[in-house]
N, C-alpha and C. Protein backbone atom coordinates (compact mmCIF):
# COMPACT_ATOMS: atom_id res chain seq x y z
N MET A 1 -70.14 0.34 -62.32
CA MET A 1 -71.40 -0.33 -62.58
C MET A 1 -72.52 0.70 -62.71
N ALA A 2 -73.38 0.47 -63.63
CA ALA A 2 -74.53 1.34 -63.83
C ALA A 2 -75.61 1.00 -62.81
N GLN A 3 -76.27 2.04 -62.31
CA GLN A 3 -77.36 1.81 -61.37
C GLN A 3 -78.59 1.34 -62.12
N GLN A 4 -79.34 0.49 -61.48
CA GLN A 4 -80.58 0.01 -62.08
C GLN A 4 -81.76 0.69 -61.38
N TYR A 5 -82.68 1.15 -62.17
CA TYR A 5 -83.88 1.79 -61.65
C TYR A 5 -85.08 0.97 -62.07
N ASP A 6 -86.03 0.83 -61.18
CA ASP A 6 -87.22 0.08 -61.55
C ASP A 6 -88.28 1.02 -62.14
N GLN A 7 -89.30 0.44 -62.73
CA GLN A 7 -90.36 1.22 -63.38
C GLN A 7 -91.08 2.12 -62.39
N LYS A 8 -91.22 1.66 -61.14
CA LYS A 8 -91.90 2.46 -60.13
C LYS A 8 -91.17 3.78 -59.90
N SER A 9 -89.85 3.75 -59.91
CA SER A 9 -89.06 4.97 -59.73
C SER A 9 -89.33 5.95 -60.85
N PHE A 10 -89.36 5.46 -62.08
CA PHE A 10 -89.62 6.32 -63.23
C PHE A 10 -91.04 6.87 -63.20
N ASP A 11 -92.01 6.04 -62.83
CA ASP A 11 -93.39 6.48 -62.75
C ASP A 11 -93.55 7.58 -61.70
N SER A 12 -92.89 7.41 -60.57
CA SER A 12 -92.96 8.38 -59.50
C SER A 12 -92.35 9.71 -59.94
N LEU A 13 -91.22 9.65 -60.61
CA LEU A 13 -90.56 10.85 -61.10
C LEU A 13 -91.42 11.55 -62.15
N GLU A 14 -92.03 10.78 -63.02
CA GLU A 14 -92.90 11.33 -64.06
C GLU A 14 -94.09 12.05 -63.43
N LEU A 15 -94.69 11.46 -62.41
CA LEU A 15 -95.82 12.07 -61.73
C LEU A 15 -95.39 13.34 -61.02
N GLU A 16 -94.24 13.30 -60.37
CA GLU A 16 -93.73 14.46 -59.66
C GLU A 16 -93.55 15.64 -60.60
N GLU A 17 -93.06 15.38 -61.80
CA GLU A 17 -92.85 16.44 -62.76
C GLU A 17 -94.17 16.96 -63.32
N SER A 18 -95.18 16.10 -63.40
CA SER A 18 -96.45 16.52 -63.99
C SER A 18 -97.33 17.30 -63.01
N ILE A 19 -97.17 17.09 -61.72
CA ILE A 19 -97.98 17.78 -60.72
C ILE A 19 -97.15 18.88 -60.07
N LYS A 20 -97.51 20.10 -60.34
CA LYS A 20 -96.78 21.24 -59.79
C LYS A 20 -97.48 21.85 -58.58
N LYS A 21 -98.83 21.72 -58.54
CA LYS A 21 -99.56 22.21 -57.37
C LYS A 21 -100.81 21.37 -57.15
N CYS A 22 -101.25 21.33 -55.93
CA CYS A 22 -102.43 20.56 -55.55
C CYS A 22 -103.67 21.16 -56.20
N PRO A 23 -104.49 20.34 -56.85
CA PRO A 23 -105.70 20.87 -57.48
C PRO A 23 -106.76 21.32 -56.46
N ASP A 24 -106.63 20.87 -55.22
CA ASP A 24 -107.62 21.19 -54.19
C ASP A 24 -107.28 22.48 -53.44
N CYS A 25 -106.04 22.60 -52.95
CA CYS A 25 -105.68 23.75 -52.12
C CYS A 25 -104.59 24.64 -52.72
N GLY A 26 -103.95 24.18 -53.79
CA GLY A 26 -102.89 24.97 -54.42
C GLY A 26 -101.52 24.76 -53.79
N GLY A 27 -101.43 23.86 -52.81
CA GLY A 27 -100.15 23.57 -52.16
C GLY A 27 -99.13 23.04 -53.15
N LYS A 28 -97.86 23.31 -52.87
CA LYS A 28 -96.80 22.90 -53.79
C LYS A 28 -95.84 21.88 -53.19
N LYS A 29 -96.15 21.39 -52.01
CA LYS A 29 -95.29 20.39 -51.35
C LYS A 29 -96.03 19.07 -51.28
N PHE A 30 -95.37 18.02 -51.76
CA PHE A 30 -95.96 16.69 -51.80
C PHE A 30 -95.04 15.70 -51.12
N ASP A 31 -95.59 14.58 -50.69
CA ASP A 31 -94.81 13.53 -50.05
C ASP A 31 -95.41 12.19 -50.43
N LEU A 32 -94.64 11.14 -50.18
CA LEU A 32 -95.12 9.79 -50.45
C LEU A 32 -95.44 9.11 -49.14
N ARG A 33 -96.57 8.43 -49.10
CA ARG A 33 -96.96 7.61 -47.95
C ARG A 33 -97.27 6.24 -48.51
N GLY A 34 -96.34 5.32 -48.35
CA GLY A 34 -96.48 4.02 -49.00
C GLY A 34 -96.31 4.21 -50.49
N GLU A 35 -97.34 3.90 -51.25
CA GLU A 35 -97.29 4.08 -52.70
C GLU A 35 -98.13 5.27 -53.15
N GLU A 36 -98.65 6.05 -52.19
CA GLU A 36 -99.53 7.17 -52.53
C GLU A 36 -98.81 8.50 -52.37
N ARG A 37 -99.02 9.38 -53.32
CA ARG A 37 -98.48 10.73 -53.25
C ARG A 37 -99.59 11.62 -52.71
N TYR A 38 -99.25 12.45 -51.74
CA TYR A 38 -100.27 13.30 -51.14
C TYR A 38 -99.75 14.71 -50.91
N CYS A 39 -100.67 15.65 -50.84
CA CYS A 39 -100.35 17.05 -50.58
C CYS A 39 -100.06 17.21 -49.09
N LYS A 40 -98.93 17.83 -48.75
CA LYS A 40 -98.59 18.03 -47.35
C LYS A 40 -99.48 19.07 -46.68
N LYS A 41 -100.06 19.96 -47.46
CA LYS A 41 -100.87 21.04 -46.89
C LYS A 41 -102.28 20.57 -46.50
N CYS A 42 -102.98 19.88 -47.42
CA CYS A 42 -104.36 19.50 -47.14
C CYS A 42 -104.57 17.99 -47.01
N GLY A 43 -103.57 17.19 -47.42
CA GLY A 43 -103.68 15.74 -47.29
C GLY A 43 -104.35 15.03 -48.45
N LEU A 44 -104.69 15.76 -49.51
CA LEU A 44 -105.33 15.16 -50.67
C LEU A 44 -104.42 14.11 -51.30
N VAL A 45 -104.93 12.91 -51.51
CA VAL A 45 -104.16 11.84 -52.15
C VAL A 45 -104.25 12.05 -53.66
N LEU A 46 -103.10 12.10 -54.32
CA LEU A 46 -103.05 12.41 -55.74
C LEU A 46 -102.89 11.20 -56.62
N GLU A 47 -102.51 10.06 -56.06
CA GLU A 47 -102.40 8.84 -56.88
C GLU A 47 -102.82 7.64 -56.10
């Protein structure tokens, strides 16, 4: 059986590929908190 992916998964992947570093501090590690992507270094919310 083929796996089904929802649009949210694709949007998240697309955003992850487009953001390589935090525009505020230059950090390169990001995480998701609920539906928001944030920089692990400074906490800036990116979406």
